Amino acid sequence: MTIRSYFYDAGFQNGVRFDEQQINAMSNAFQKATEVLGVKENAPPIVHKVIARIAEAAKDGHCDPQELCKRALNALQGIGNPHVRRHQTVPERRAF
């Protein structure tokens, strides 16, 4: 199952249908979050928590990958996840 499939499923389970733009944003946010956390995409249960937090933020109307990633990491910090240290932050987007 691809990461995109997980986001389609997460939306379906929450009664939300994410469009292609949202799925792309969530996929990008997921890649950045797993990079910041230093975990591989196939390392459950942290991966499932990241997916759930990103989908939650997208459901609330956020579609910027940077914002989705930040919200997911902040939510994971709030539940005392050992993979997320308080000093970890999402790198700011670089101007091109």
N, C-alpha and C. Protein backbone atom coordinates (compact mmCIF):
# COMPACT_ATOMS: atom_id res chain seq x y z
N MET A 1 0.85 -1.18 0.00
CA MET A 1 0.00 0.00 0.00
C MET A 1 0.89 1.25 0.00
N THR A 2 0.59 2.19 -0.88
CA THR A 2 1.38 3.41 -0.95
C THR A 2 0.92 4.40 0.11
N ILE A 3 1.75 5.39 0.37
CA ILE A 3 1.38 6.42 1.35
C ILE A 3 0.12 7.16 0.89
N ARG A 4 -0.03 7.33 -0.40
CA ARG A 4 -1.23 7.99 -0.93
C ARG A 4 -2.48 7.19 -0.56
N SER A 5 -2.38 5.87 -0.63
CA SER A 5 -3.51 5.01 -0.28
C SER A 5 -3.89 5.19 1.18
N TYR A 6 -2.89 5.33 2.03
CA TYR A 6 -3.17 5.55 3.45
C TYR A 6 -3.97 6.84 3.66
N PHE A 7 -3.62 7.89 2.92
CA PHE A 7 -4.35 9.15 3.08
C PHE A 7 -5.76 9.06 2.51
N TYR A 8 -5.94 8.35 1.41
CA TYR A 8 -7.30 8.14 0.91
C TYR A 8 -8.12 7.39 1.97
N ASP A 9 -7.53 6.34 2.55
CA ASP A 9 -8.22 5.56 3.59
C ASP A 9 -8.50 6.39 4.83
N ALA A 10 -7.53 7.20 5.25
CA ALA A 10 -7.70 8.04 6.44
C ALA A 10 -8.86 9.01 6.23
N GLY A 11 -8.96 9.57 5.05
CA GLY A 11 -10.07 10.47 4.75
C GLY A 11 -11.39 9.74 4.75
N PHE A 12 -11.42 8.58 4.12
CA PHE A 12 -12.63 7.78 4.05
C PHE A 12 -13.12 7.40 5.44
N GLN A 13 -12.20 6.99 6.31
CA GLN A 13 -12.56 6.58 7.67
C GLN A 13 -13.10 7.74 8.48
N ASN A 14 -12.70 8.97 8.14
CA ASN A 14 -13.17 10.15 8.86
C ASN A 14 -14.31 10.87 8.15
N GLY A 15 -14.86 10.23 7.13
CA GLY A 15 -15.98 10.84 6.41
C GLY A 15 -15.58 12.01 5.54
N VAL A 16 -14.32 12.05 5.12
CA VAL A 16 -13.81 13.15 4.30
C VAL A 16 -13.25 12.57 3.01
N ARG A 17 -13.49 13.24 1.93
CA ARG A 17 -12.87 12.83 0.67
C ARG A 17 -11.83 13.88 0.30
N PHE A 18 -10.56 13.50 0.40
CA PHE A 18 -9.48 14.41 0.06
C PHE A 18 -9.30 14.47 -1.45
N ASP A 19 -9.07 15.68 -1.96
CA ASP A 19 -8.83 15.80 -3.40
C ASP A 19 -7.34 15.57 -3.69
N GLU A 20 -7.00 15.58 -4.95
CA GLU A 20 -5.63 15.28 -5.38
C GLU A 20 -4.62 16.28 -4.81
N GLN A 21 -4.98 17.55 -4.75
CA GLN A 21 -4.08 18.57 -4.20
C GLN A 21 -3.81 18.30 -2.72
N GLN A 22 -4.85 17.94 -1.98
CA GLN A 22 -4.68 17.63 -0.56
C GLN A 22 -3.82 16.38 -0.36
N ILE A 23 -4.04 15.36 -1.18
CA ILE A 23 -3.25 14.13 -1.08
C ILE A 23 -1.78 14.43 -1.36
N ASN A 24 -1.51 15.25 -2.37
CA ASN A 24 -0.13 15.63 -2.67
C ASN A 24 0.50 16.37 -1.49
N ALA A 25 -0.23 17.32 -0.92
CA ALA A 25 0.28 18.09 0.21
C ALA A 25 0.54 17.18 1.41
N MET A 26 -0.38 16.26 1.67
CA MET A 26 -0.22 15.34 2.81
C MET A 26 0.96 14.40 2.58
N SER A 27 1.15 13.94 1.36
CA SER A 27 2.28 13.06 1.05
C SER A 27 3.60 13.79 1.26
N ASN A 28 3.67 15.05 0.81
CA ASN A 28 4.88 15.84 1.02
C ASN A 28 5.13 16.11 2.50
N ALA A 29 4.06 16.39 3.24
CA ALA A 29 4.18 16.62 4.68
C ALA A 29 4.66 15.35 5.38
N PHE A 30 4.15 14.22 4.95
CA PHE A 30 4.54 12.95 5.54
C PHE A 30 6.03 12.68 5.32
N GLN A 31 6.50 12.90 4.10
CA GLN A 31 7.92 12.68 3.82
C GLN A 31 8.80 13.56 4.70
N LYS A 32 8.41 14.82 4.87
CA LYS A 32 9.19 15.74 5.69
C LYS A 32 9.12 15.33 7.16
N ALA A 33 7.96 14.94 7.63
CA ALA A 33 7.81 14.55 9.04
C ALA A 33 8.64 13.31 9.37
N THR A 34 8.62 12.32 8.48
CA THR A 34 9.41 11.12 8.76
C THR A 34 10.90 11.42 8.68
N GLU A 35 11.27 12.37 7.83
CA GLU A 35 12.67 12.80 7.75
C GLU A 35 13.09 13.49 9.05
N VAL A 36 12.25 14.39 9.54
CA VAL A 36 12.54 15.10 10.80
C VAL A 36 12.61 14.12 11.96
N LEU A 37 11.71 13.16 11.97
CA LEU A 37 11.67 12.17 13.05
C LEU A 37 12.80 11.15 12.94
N GLY A 38 13.33 11.00 11.74
CA GLY A 38 14.38 10.01 11.54
C GLY A 38 13.86 8.59 11.53
N VAL A 39 12.61 8.42 11.07
CA VAL A 39 12.03 7.08 10.98
C VAL A 39 11.78 6.74 9.52
N LYS A 40 11.73 5.45 9.24
CA LYS A 40 11.45 5.00 7.88
C LYS A 40 9.94 4.92 7.70
N GLU A 41 9.52 5.01 6.47
CA GLU A 41 8.09 5.00 6.15
C GLU A 41 7.41 3.70 6.51
N ASN A 42 8.19 2.66 6.76
CA ASN A 42 7.60 1.36 7.10
C ASN A 42 7.84 1.00 8.56
N ALA A 43 7.84 2.01 9.44
CA ALA A 43 8.11 1.78 10.86
C ALA A 43 6.88 2.08 11.72
N PRO A 44 5.84 1.23 11.64
CA PRO A 44 4.68 1.46 12.51
C PRO A 44 5.08 1.23 13.95
N PRO A 45 4.44 1.76 14.95
CA PRO A 45 3.18 2.52 14.88
C PRO A 45 3.36 4.02 14.70
N ILE A 46 4.59 4.52 14.79
CA ILE A 46 4.79 5.97 14.65
C ILE A 46 4.32 6.47 13.30
N VAL A 47 4.51 5.69 12.25
CA VAL A 47 4.08 6.10 10.91
C VAL A 47 2.57 6.28 10.87
N HIS A 48 1.85 5.38 11.49
CA HIS A 48 0.38 5.49 11.50
C HIS A 48 -0.07 6.72 12.29
N LYS A 49 0.67 7.06 13.33
CA LYS A 49 0.34 8.26 14.11
C LYS A 49 0.60 9.51 13.29
N VAL A 50 1.70 9.53 12.55
CA VAL A 50 2.01 10.67 11.69
C VAL A 50 0.91 10.83 10.63
N ILE A 51 0.53 9.74 9.99
CA ILE A 51 -0.52 9.77 8.98
C ILE A 51 -1.82 10.33 9.57
N ALA A 52 -2.18 9.82 10.74
CA ALA A 52 -3.43 10.26 11.38
C ALA A 52 -3.41 11.75 11.70
N ARG A 53 -2.28 12.23 12.22
CA ARG A 53 -2.18 13.65 12.59
C ARG A 53 -2.21 14.56 11.35
N ILE A 54 -1.54 14.13 10.29
CA ILE A 54 -1.56 14.92 9.05
C ILE A 54 -2.97 14.94 8.47
N ALA A 55 -3.62 13.80 8.44
CA ALA A 55 -5.00 13.73 7.92
C ALA A 55 -5.94 14.58 8.75
N GLU A 56 -5.74 14.59 10.06
CA GLU A 56 -6.56 15.43 10.95
C GLU A 56 -6.42 16.90 10.59
N ALA A 57 -5.18 17.34 10.40
CA ALA A 57 -4.94 18.74 10.06
C ALA A 57 -5.52 19.08 8.69
N ALA A 58 -5.40 18.16 7.74
CA ALA A 58 -5.96 18.39 6.40
C ALA A 58 -7.48 18.46 6.47
N LYS A 59 -8.06 17.63 7.30
CA LYS A 59 -9.52 17.63 7.48
C LYS A 59 -9.99 18.98 8.01
N ASP A 60 -9.14 19.63 8.81
CA ASP A 60 -9.46 20.95 9.36
C ASP A 60 -9.25 22.07 8.35
N GLY A 61 -8.84 21.71 7.11
CA GLY A 61 -8.73 22.70 6.06
C GLY A 61 -7.32 23.14 5.71
N HIS A 62 -6.33 22.61 6.36
CA HIS A 62 -4.95 22.99 6.07
C HIS A 62 -4.45 22.20 4.86
N CYS A 63 -3.78 22.88 3.92
CA CYS A 63 -3.29 22.16 2.74
C CYS A 63 -1.84 22.49 2.41
N ASP A 64 -1.19 23.30 3.22
CA ASP A 64 0.22 23.59 3.01
C ASP A 64 1.05 22.47 3.63
N PRO A 65 1.92 21.80 2.86
CA PRO A 65 2.69 20.69 3.40
C PRO A 65 3.51 21.06 4.65
N GLN A 66 4.08 22.27 4.64
CA GLN A 66 4.87 22.73 5.78
C GLN A 66 4.00 22.82 7.04
N GLU A 67 2.81 23.37 6.88
CA GLU A 67 1.88 23.51 8.01
C GLU A 67 1.37 22.15 8.48
N LEU A 68 1.06 21.27 7.55
CA LEU A 68 0.61 19.93 7.91
C LEU A 68 1.68 19.19 8.70
N CYS A 69 2.91 19.29 8.24
CA CYS A 69 4.03 18.62 8.93
C CYS A 69 4.19 19.20 10.32
N LYS A 70 4.19 20.51 10.42
CA LYS A 70 4.36 21.18 11.72
C LYS A 70 3.26 20.77 12.70
N ARG A 71 2.04 20.75 12.23
CA ARG A 71 0.92 20.38 13.10
C ARG A 71 1.02 18.92 13.55
N ALA A 72 1.44 18.04 12.65
CA ALA A 72 1.59 16.63 13.00
C ALA A 72 2.68 16.46 14.06
N LEU A 73 3.82 17.10 13.85
CA LEU A 73 4.92 16.98 14.82
C LEU A 73 4.54 17.58 16.17
N ASN A 74 3.86 18.72 16.16
CA ASN A 74 3.40 19.33 17.41
C ASN A 74 2.42 18.43 18.14
N ALA A 75 1.52 17.81 17.40
CA ALA A 75 0.55 16.90 18.02
C ALA A 75 1.25 15.69 18.62
N LEU A 76 2.25 15.18 17.94
CA LEU A 76 2.99 14.04 18.46
C LEU A 76 3.78 14.41 19.71
N GLN A 77 4.31 15.62 19.77
CA GLN A 77 4.99 16.09 20.97
C GLN A 77 4.02 16.14 22.14
N GLY A 78 2.80 16.56 21.84
CA GLY A 78 1.79 16.70 22.88
C GLY A 78 1.38 15.39 23.52
N ILE A 79 1.58 14.28 22.82
CA ILE A 79 1.21 13.00 23.42
C ILE A 79 2.41 12.28 23.99
N GLY A 80 3.54 13.00 24.09
CA GLY A 80 4.72 12.44 24.73
C GLY A 80 5.36 11.32 23.93
N ASN A 81 5.35 11.44 22.62
CA ASN A 81 5.92 10.40 21.79
C ASN A 81 7.43 10.40 21.91
N PRO A 82 8.05 9.25 22.19
CA PRO A 82 9.49 9.20 22.36
C PRO A 82 10.28 9.49 21.09
N HIS A 83 9.64 9.40 19.93
CA HIS A 83 10.33 9.67 18.67
C HIS A 83 10.48 11.17 18.41
N VAL A 84 9.72 11.98 19.14
CA VAL A 84 9.71 13.42 18.90
C VAL A 84 10.30 14.12 20.10
N ARG A 85 11.41 14.77 19.88
CA ARG A 85 12.03 15.55 20.95
C ARG A 85 11.52 16.97 20.86
N ARG A 86 11.50 17.64 21.98
CA ARG A 86 10.99 19.01 22.02
C ARG A 86 11.79 19.96 21.12
N HIS A 87 13.06 19.68 20.91
CA HIS A 87 13.87 20.60 20.13
C HIS A 87 13.75 20.37 18.63
N GLN A 88 13.07 19.32 18.22
CA GLN A 88 12.93 19.08 16.79
C GLN A 88 11.94 20.07 16.20
N THR A 89 12.32 20.65 15.11
CA THR A 89 11.42 21.57 14.43
C THR A 89 11.42 21.25 12.95
N VAL A 90 10.43 21.76 12.28
CA VAL A 90 10.35 21.58 10.84
C VAL A 90 11.18 22.69 10.21
N PRO A 91 12.15 22.33 9.38
CA PRO A 91 12.95 23.35 8.71
C PRO A 91 12.06 24.28 7.88
N GLU A 92 12.38 25.54 7.89
CA GLU A 92 11.61 26.53 7.12
C GLU A 92 11.80 26.29 5.63
N ARG A 93 10.79 26.62 4.88
CA ARG A 93 10.84 26.47 3.44
C ARG A 93 11.83 27.48 2.87
N ARG A 94 12.65 27.01 1.95
CA ARG A 94 13.63 27.88 1.32
C ARG A 94 13.00 28.60 0.12
N ALA A 95 13.38 29.84 -0.05
CA ALA A 95 12.92 30.60 -1.21
C ALA A 95 13.76 30.19 -2.41
N PHE A 96 13.13 30.06 -3.55
CA PHE A 96 13.86 29.66 -4.76
C PHE A 96 14.06 30.84 -5.67
